[in-house]
């Protein structure tokens, strides 16, 4: 199926739109709030940024793209998400520097905008996310393809979960490190965010494995019939 032109695929554009939407919304959520789980693990408080709830869906979509359309097309979608996310930070930066209305300054103001969307408007969280996403998603797709070849296409769950463990680890380390260096997060939260984000992302994607199976099967049939 992967020798076909991307323009001939019926559902590729929809999957691309999903990846772009997940990337942009998850980054806004990451900048907006850090969530506490209310307990500690190995003495480390469990807390994660808001984007963790949504971002694993980008990896699920990446697994589906690689399985159905191949690594070359999956890479093309990743770069599309990369440029759309970069464009979003330009918009948030312009909003930051434009003068605010007097009434808005009274009930919200530049301080609130900076506190909630400062990571997006300064570009810190976007640089962190882009670097983490590229490192994680490319390694995820690479490992997925290698495991698929080694296992001759059998046991989809082994390669989706195996690639997730590698991809999410690189993604989380790169993302939290750069976001902390650029002032989006504090160093006192570094260990909590790395550990909790990694565990939550892997858990969410593991729970999504049945959905990945269904999506891959349905898309293969739909694209073969197109």
C-alpha atoms as a PDB file:
ATOM      1  CA  UNK A   1       0.000   0.000   0.000  1.00  0.00           C
ATOM      2  CA  UNK A   2       2.855   2.412   0.764  1.00  0.00           C
ATOM      3  CA  UNK A   3       3.973   2.603  -2.894  1.00  0.00           C
ATOM      4  CA  UNK A   4       0.840   4.606  -3.698  1.00  0.00           C
ATOM      5  CA  UNK A   5       0.943   8.392  -3.956  1.00  0.00           C
ATOM      6  CA  UNK A   6      -0.109  10.134  -0.688  1.00  0.00           C
ATOM      7  CA  UNK A   7      -2.786  12.020  -2.638  1.00  0.00           C
ATOM      8  CA  UNK A   8      -4.595   8.771  -3.421  1.00  0.00           C
ATOM      9  CA  UNK A   9      -5.184   7.840   0.223  1.00  0.00           C
ATOM     10  CA  UNK A  10      -8.701   8.518   1.424  1.00  0.00           C
ATOM     11  CA  UNK A  11      -8.095   9.151   5.140  1.00  0.00           C
ATOM     12  CA  UNK A  12      -4.530  10.477   5.292  1.00  0.00           C
ATOM     13  CA  UNK A  13      -5.635  14.111   5.408  1.00  0.00           C
ATOM     14  CA  UNK A  14      -7.923  13.385   8.360  1.00  0.00           C
ATOM     15  CA  UNK A  15      -5.136  11.708  10.329  1.00  0.00           C
ATOM     16  CA  UNK A  16      -2.822  14.605   9.549  1.00  0.00           C
ATOM     17  CA  UNK A  17      -5.421  17.041  10.897  1.00  0.00           C
ATOM     18  CA  UNK A  18      -5.740  14.961  14.089  1.00  0.00           C
ATOM     19  CA  UNK A  19      -1.969  15.032  14.657  1.00  0.00           C
ATOM     20  CA  UNK A  20      -1.812  18.805  14.118  1.00  0.00           C
ATOM     21  CA  UNK A  21      -4.785  19.459  16.442  1.00  0.00           C
ATOM     22  CA  UNK A  22      -3.367  17.228  19.183  1.00  0.00           C
ATOM     23  CA  UNK A  23       0.032  18.944  19.009  1.00  0.00           C
ATOM     24  CA  UNK A  24      -1.336  22.490  19.218  1.00  0.00           C
ATOM     25  CA  UNK A  25      -3.978  21.848  21.900  1.00  0.00           C
ATOM     26  CA  UNK A  26      -1.667  19.736  24.074  1.00  0.00           C
ATOM     27  CA  UNK A  27       0.956  22.486  24.062  1.00  0.00           C
ATOM     28  CA  UNK A  28      -1.568  25.097  25.157  1.00  0.00           C
ATOM     29  CA  UNK A  29      -2.674  22.711  27.921  1.00  0.00           C
ATOM     30  CA  UNK A  30       0.945  22.119  28.967  1.00  0.00           C
ATOM     31  CA  UNK A  31       1.530  25.840  29.294  1.00  0.00           C
ATOM     32  CA  UNK A  32      -1.743  26.444  31.128  1.00  0.00           C
ATOM     33  CA  UNK A  33      -1.637  24.050  34.081  1.00  0.00           C
ATOM     34  CA  UNK A  34       0.367  21.514  36.078  1.00  0.00           C
ATOM     35  CA  UNK A  35      -1.811  18.840  37.698  1.00  0.00           C
ATOM     36  CA  UNK A  36      -1.046  17.077  40.980  1.00  0.00           C
ATOM     37  CA  UNK A  37      -2.059  13.453  41.510  1.00  0.00           C
ATOM     38  CA  UNK A  38      -1.906  13.911  45.266  1.00  0.00           C
ATOM     39  CA  UNK A  39       0.644  11.202  46.084  1.00  0.00           C
ATOM     40  CA  UNK A  40       4.361  10.460  45.774  1.00  0.00           C
ATOM     41  CA  UNK A  41       6.305   7.598  44.201  1.00  0.00           C
ATOM     42  CA  UNK A  42       9.802   6.815  45.485  1.00  0.00           C
ATOM     43  CA  UNK A  43       9.555  10.097  47.399  1.00  0.00           C
ATOM     44  CA  UNK A  44       8.846  12.062  44.210  1.00  0.00           C
ATOM     45  CA  UNK A  45       5.515  13.966  44.076  1.00  0.00           C
ATOM     46  CA  UNK A  46       3.424  12.840  41.131  1.00  0.00           C
ATOM     47  CA  UNK A  47       2.548  15.847  38.970  1.00  0.00           C
ATOM     48  CA  UNK A  48       2.207  16.326  35.218  1.00  0.00           C
ATOM     49  CA  UNK A  49       1.531  19.138  32.779  1.00  0.00           C
ATOM     50  CA  UNK A  50      -1.930  19.358  31.219  1.00  0.00           C
ATOM     51  CA  UNK A  51      -0.764  18.327  27.784  1.00  0.00           C
ATOM     52  CA  UNK A  52       0.071  14.840  29.053  1.00  0.00           C
ATOM     53  CA  UNK A  53      -3.622  13.919  28.925  1.00  0.00           C
ATOM     54  CA  UNK A  54      -3.779  14.536  25.191  1.00  0.00           C
ATOM     55  CA  UNK A  55      -0.261  14.250  23.787  1.00  0.00           C
ATOM     56  CA  UNK A  56      -0.092  10.407  23.777  1.00  0.00           C
ATOM     57  CA  UNK A  57      -2.770  10.481  21.071  1.00  0.00           C
ATOM     58  CA  UNK A  58      -0.131  11.916  18.753  1.00  0.00           C
ATOM     59  CA  UNK A  59       1.894   8.742  19.286  1.00  0.00           C
ATOM     60  CA  UNK A  60      -1.157   6.543  18.709  1.00  0.00           C
ATOM     61  CA  UNK A  61      -1.750   8.398  15.444  1.00  0.00           C
ATOM     62  CA  UNK A  62       1.955   7.999  14.621  1.00  0.00           C
ATOM     63  CA  UNK A  63       1.744   4.239  15.179  1.00  0.00           C
ATOM     64  CA  UNK A  64      -1.317   4.028  12.944  1.00  0.00           C
ATOM     65  CA  UNK A  65       0.327   6.146  10.251  1.00  0.00           C
ATOM     66  CA  UNK A  66       3.492   4.028  10.253  1.00  0.00           C
ATOM     67  CA  UNK A  67       1.579   0.738  10.213  1.00  0.00           C
ATOM     68  CA  UNK A  68      -0.838   1.707   7.450  1.00  0.00           C
ATOM     69  CA  UNK A  69       1.076   4.202   5.305  1.00  0.00           C
ATOM     70  CA  UNK A  70       4.750   3.511   6.082  1.00  0.00           C
ATOM     71  CA  UNK A  71       7.586   5.478   7.682  1.00  0.00           C
ATOM     72  CA  UNK A  72       8.055   7.902   4.766  1.00  0.00           C
ATOM     73  CA  UNK A  73       4.497   9.220   4.939  1.00  0.00           C
ATOM     74  CA  UNK A  74       4.497   9.159   8.751  1.00  0.00           C
ATOM     75  CA  UNK A  75       7.605  11.355   8.652  1.00  0.00           C
ATOM     76  CA  UNK A  76       5.863  13.764   6.278  1.00  0.00           C
ATOM     77  CA  UNK A  77       2.943  14.118   8.704  1.00  0.00           C
ATOM     78  CA  UNK A  78       5.383  14.690  11.581  1.00  0.00           C
ATOM     79  CA  UNK A  79       6.987  17.583   9.713  1.00  0.00           C
ATOM     80  CA  UNK A  80       3.539  19.022   8.969  1.00  0.00           C
ATOM     81  CA  UNK A  81       2.784  18.989  12.694  1.00  0.00           C
ATOM     82  CA  UNK A  82       6.191  20.543  13.355  1.00  0.00           C
ATOM     83  CA  UNK A  83       5.532  23.579  11.148  1.00  0.00           C
ATOM     84  CA  UNK A  84       1.937  24.059  12.321  1.00  0.00           C
ATOM     85  CA  UNK A  85       3.050  24.072  15.955  1.00  0.00           C
ATOM     86  CA  UNK A  86       5.815  26.551  15.151  1.00  0.00           C
ATOM     87  CA  UNK A  87       3.237  28.787  13.449  1.00  0.00           C
ATOM     88  CA  UNK A  88       1.030  28.682  16.553  1.00  0.00           C
ATOM     89  CA  UNK A  89       3.752  30.165  18.730  1.00  0.00           C
ATOM     90  CA  UNK A  90       4.107  33.082  16.324  1.00  0.00           C
ATOM     91  CA  UNK A  91       0.403  33.846  16.789  1.00  0.00           C
ATOM     92  CA  UNK A  92       0.628  33.655  20.594  1.00  0.00           C
ATOM     93  CA  UNK A  93       3.711  35.894  20.511  1.00  0.00           C
ATOM     94  CA  UNK A  94       1.883  38.508  18.426  1.00  0.00           C
ATOM     95  CA  UNK A  95      -1.017  38.412  20.889  1.00  0.00           C
ATOM     96  CA  UNK A  96       1.442  38.997  23.710  1.00  0.00           C
ATOM     97  CA  UNK A  97       3.018  42.117  22.230  1.00  0.00           C
ATOM     98  CA  UNK A  98      -0.190  43.721  20.934  1.00  0.00           C
ATOM     99  CA  UNK A  99      -1.677  46.279  23.374  1.00  0.00           C
ATOM    100  CA  UNK A 100      -4.496  44.911  25.524  1.00  0.00           C
ATOM    101  CA  UNK A 101      -7.911  46.524  25.843  1.00  0.00           C
ATOM    102  CA  UNK A 102      -8.368  48.524  29.081  1.00  0.00           C
ATOM    103  CA  UNK A 103     -11.347  46.453  30.228  1.00  0.00           C
ATOM    104  CA  UNK A 104      -9.496  43.191  29.525  1.00  0.00           C
ATOM    105  CA  UNK A 105      -6.511  44.491  31.479  1.00  0.00           C
ATOM    106  CA  UNK A 106      -8.856  44.970  34.442  1.00  0.00           C
ATOM    107  CA  UNK A 107     -10.209  41.408  34.690  1.00  0.00           C
ATOM    108  CA  UNK A 108      -7.297  39.498  33.111  1.00  0.00           C
ATOM    109  CA  UNK A 109      -4.285  41.493  31.971  1.00  0.00           C
ATOM    110  CA  UNK A 110      -0.827  40.871  30.554  1.00  0.00           C
ATOM    111  CA  UNK A 111       0.310  39.260  33.801  1.00  0.00           C
ATOM    112  CA  UNK A 112      -2.347  36.548  33.602  1.00  0.00           C
ATOM    113  CA  UNK A 113      -1.645  36.025  29.906  1.00  0.00           C
ATOM    114  CA  UNK A 114       2.056  35.607  30.627  1.00  0.00           C
ATOM    115  CA  UNK A 115       1.421  33.234  33.539  1.00  0.00           C
ATOM    116  CA  UNK A 116      -0.912  30.939  31.583  1.00  0.00           C
ATOM    117  CA  UNK A 117       0.301  31.244  28.000  1.00  0.00           C
ATOM    118  CA  UNK A 118       3.813  32.534  28.560  1.00  0.00           C
ATOM    119  CA  UNK A 119       5.348  29.279  27.404  1.00  0.00           C
ATOM    120  CA  UNK A 120       3.448  29.456  24.129  1.00  0.00           C
ATOM    121  CA  UNK A 121       4.026  33.165  23.560  1.00  0.00           C
ATOM    122  CA  UNK A 122       7.747  33.084  24.431  1.00  0.00           C
ATOM    123  CA  UNK A 123       8.286  29.939  22.402  1.00  0.00           C
ATOM    124  CA  UNK A 124       9.877  28.038  25.286  1.00  0.00           C
ATOM    125  CA  UNK A 125       7.314  25.284  25.529  1.00  0.00           C
ATOM    126  CA  UNK A 126       6.982  25.067  21.774  1.00  0.00           C
ATOM    127  CA  UNK A 127      10.737  24.639  21.266  1.00  0.00           C
ATOM    128  CA  UNK A 128      10.698  22.005  24.014  1.00  0.00           C
ATOM    129  CA  UNK A 129       7.703  20.241  22.503  1.00  0.00           C
ATOM    130  CA  UNK A 130       9.045  20.346  18.961  1.00  0.00           C
ATOM    131  CA  UNK A 131      12.417  18.969  20.028  1.00  0.00           C
ATOM    132  CA  UNK A 132      10.822  16.306  22.219  1.00  0.00           C
ATOM    133  CA  UNK A 133       8.234  15.420  19.597  1.00  0.00           C
ATOM    134  CA  UNK A 134      10.800  15.034  16.835  1.00  0.00           C
ATOM    135  CA  UNK A 135      13.141  12.959  19.005  1.00  0.00           C
ATOM    136  CA  UNK A 136      10.309  10.849  20.381  1.00  0.00           C
ATOM    137  CA  UNK A 137       8.152  10.397  17.303  1.00  0.00           C
ATOM    138  CA  UNK A 138      10.976   9.659  14.886  1.00  0.00           C
ATOM    139  CA  UNK A 139      12.488   7.144  17.307  1.00  0.00           C
ATOM    140  CA  UNK A 140       9.004   5.711  17.897  1.00  0.00           C
ATOM    141  CA  UNK A 141       8.417   5.236  14.166  1.00  0.00           C
ATOM    142  CA  UNK A 142      11.948   3.882  13.618  1.00  0.00           C
ATOM    143  CA  UNK A 143      11.651   1.305  16.420  1.00  0.00           C
ATOM    144  CA  UNK A 144       8.143   0.367  15.252  1.00  0.00           C
ATOM    145  CA  UNK A 145       9.387  -0.388  11.733  1.00  0.00           C
ATOM    146  CA  UNK A 146      12.401  -2.347  12.998  1.00  0.00           C
ATOM    147  CA  UNK A 147      10.328  -4.495  15.370  1.00  0.00           C
ATOM    148  CA  UNK A 148       7.771  -5.087  12.623  1.00  0.00           C
ATOM    149  CA  UNK A 149      10.488  -6.332  10.280  1.00  0.00           C
ATOM    150  CA  UNK A 150      12.100  -8.491  12.973  1.00  0.00           C
ATOM    151  CA  UNK A 151       8.767 -10.095  13.934  1.00  0.00           C
ATOM    152  CA  UNK A 152       7.577 -10.325  10.310  1.00  0.00           C
ATOM    153  CA  UNK A 153       4.491  -8.225  10.950  1.00  0.00           C
ATOM    154  CA  UNK A 154       3.185 -10.283  13.869  1.00  0.00           C
ATOM    155  CA  UNK A 155       2.057  -9.098  17.318  1.00  0.00           C
ATOM    156  CA  UNK A 156       1.189  -5.452  16.699  1.00  0.00           C
ATOM    157  CA  UNK A 157       0.905  -4.750  20.437  1.00  0.00           C
ATOM    158  CA  UNK A 158       4.579  -5.707  20.979  1.00  0.00           C
ATOM    159  CA  UNK A 159       5.841  -3.100  18.535  1.00  0.00           C
ATOM    160  CA  UNK A 160       3.380  -0.351  19.558  1.00  0.00           C
ATOM    161  CA  UNK A 161       4.195  -0.720  23.261  1.00  0.00           C
ATOM    162  CA  UNK A 162       7.906  -1.355  22.655  1.00  0.00           C
ATOM    163  CA  UNK A 163       8.253   1.707  20.448  1.00  0.00           C
ATOM    164  CA  UNK A 164       6.255   3.737  22.982  1.00  0.00           C
ATOM    165  CA  UNK A 165       8.678   2.930  25.809  1.00  0.00           C
ATOM    166  CA  UNK A 166      11.571   4.275  23.731  1.00  0.00           C
ATOM    167  CA  UNK A 167       9.794   7.195  22.072  1.00  0.00           C
ATOM    168  CA  UNK A 168       8.055   8.511  25.175  1.00  0.00           C
ATOM    169  CA  UNK A 169      11.264   8.307  27.225  1.00  0.00           C
ATOM    170  CA  UNK A 170      13.196  10.440  24.744  1.00  0.00           C
ATOM    171  CA  UNK A 171      10.244  12.788  24.272  1.00  0.00           C
ATOM    172  CA  UNK A 172       9.731  13.321  28.003  1.00  0.00           C
ATOM    173  CA  UNK A 173      13.411  13.868  28.829  1.00  0.00           C
ATOM    174  CA  UNK A 174      13.961  16.311  25.974  1.00  0.00           C
ATOM    175  CA  UNK A 175      10.676  18.169  26.531  1.00  0.00           C
ATOM    176  CA  UNK A 176      10.986  18.647  30.302  1.00  0.00           C
ATOM    177  CA  UNK A 177      14.685  19.512  30.118  1.00  0.00           C
ATOM    178  CA  UNK A 178      14.275  22.234  27.484  1.00  0.00           C
ATOM    179  CA  UNK A 179      11.054  23.578  29.042  1.00  0.00           C
ATOM    180  CA  UNK A 180      12.836  23.861  32.397  1.00  0.00           C
ATOM    181  CA  UNK A 181      15.918  25.493  30.881  1.00  0.00           C
ATOM    182  CA  UNK A 182      13.699  28.108  29.191  1.00  0.00           C
ATOM    183  CA  UNK A 183      11.810  28.877  32.408  1.00  0.00           C
ATOM    184  CA  UNK A 184       8.467  27.274  31.570  1.00  0.00           C
ATOM    185  CA  UNK A 185       8.789  24.872  34.534  1.00  0.00           C
ATOM    186  CA  UNK A 186      10.841  25.195  37.709  1.00  0.00           C
ATOM    187  CA  UNK A 187      13.770  22.898  38.478  1.00  0.00           C
ATOM    188  CA  UNK A 188      12.048  21.865  41.707  1.00  0.00           C
ATOM    189  CA  UNK A 189       9.399  20.143  39.560  1.00  0.00           C
ATOM    190  CA  UNK A 190      11.839  18.478  37.157  1.00  0.00           C
ATOM    191  CA  UNK A 191      11.914  14.977  38.665  1.00  0.00           C
ATOM    192  CA  UNK A 192       8.161  14.958  39.300  1.00  0.00           C
ATOM    193  CA  UNK A 193       7.330  16.003  35.752  1.00  0.00           C
ATOM    194  CA  UNK A 194       9.759  13.575  34.084  1.00  0.00           C
ATOM    195  CA  UNK A 195       8.632  10.548  36.082  1.00  0.00           C
ATOM    196  CA  UNK A 196       4.895  11.288  36.069  1.00  0.00           C
ATOM    197  CA  UNK A 197       4.736  12.387  32.437  1.00  0.00           C
ATOM    198  CA  UNK A 198       6.593   9.279  31.280  1.00  0.00           C
ATOM    199  CA  UNK A 199       4.471   6.859  33.311  1.00  0.00           C
ATOM    200  CA  UNK A 200       1.195   8.550  32.353  1.00  0.00           C
ATOM    201  CA  UNK A 201       2.052   8.720  28.658  1.00  0.00           C
ATOM    202  CA  UNK A 202       3.062   5.067  28.520  1.00  0.00           C
ATOM    203  CA  UNK A 203      -0.046   4.025  30.466  1.00  0.00           C
ATOM    204  CA  UNK A 204      -2.399   6.030  28.253  1.00  0.00           C
ATOM    205  CA  UNK A 205      -0.881   4.660  25.063  1.00  0.00           C
ATOM    206  CA  UNK A 206      -0.894   1.087  26.409  1.00  0.00           C
ATOM    207  CA  UNK A 207      -4.597   1.476  27.220  1.00  0.00           C
ATOM    208  CA  UNK A 208      -5.127   2.783  23.694  1.00  0.00           C
ATOM    209  CA  UNK A 209      -3.629  -0.378  22.129  1.00  0.00           C
ATOM    210  CA  UNK A 210      -7.070  -1.898  21.322  1.00  0.00           C
ATOM    211  CA  UNK A 211      -7.995   1.368  19.599  1.00  0.00           C
ATOM    212  CA  UNK A 212      -4.751   1.194  17.617  1.00  0.00           C
ATOM    213  CA  UNK A 213      -5.604  -2.353  16.503  1.00  0.00           C
ATOM    214  CA  UNK A 214      -9.094  -1.315  15.387  1.00  0.00           C
ATOM    215  CA  UNK A 215      -7.859   1.817  13.614  1.00  0.00           C
ATOM    216  CA  UNK A 216      -5.084  -0.015  11.739  1.00  0.00           C
ATOM    217  CA  UNK A 217      -7.459  -2.771  10.595  1.00  0.00           C
ATOM    218  CA  UNK A 218     -10.194  -0.368   9.541  1.00  0.00           C
ATOM    219  CA  UNK A 219      -7.844   1.973   7.699  1.00  0.00           C
ATOM    220  CA  UNK A 220      -6.098  -0.841   5.836  1.00  0.00           C
ATOM    221  CA  UNK A 221      -9.443  -2.057   4.536  1.00  0.00           C
ATOM    222  CA  UNK A 222     -10.651   1.439   3.691  1.00  0.00           C
ATOM    223  CA  UNK A 223      -7.478   2.441   1.881  1.00  0.00           C
ATOM    224  CA  UNK A 224      -7.275  -0.853  -0.012  1.00  0.00           C
ATOM    225  CA  UNK A 225     -10.817  -0.317  -1.246  1.00  0.00           C
ATOM    226  CA  UNK A 226     -10.190   3.320  -2.205  1.00  0.00           C
END
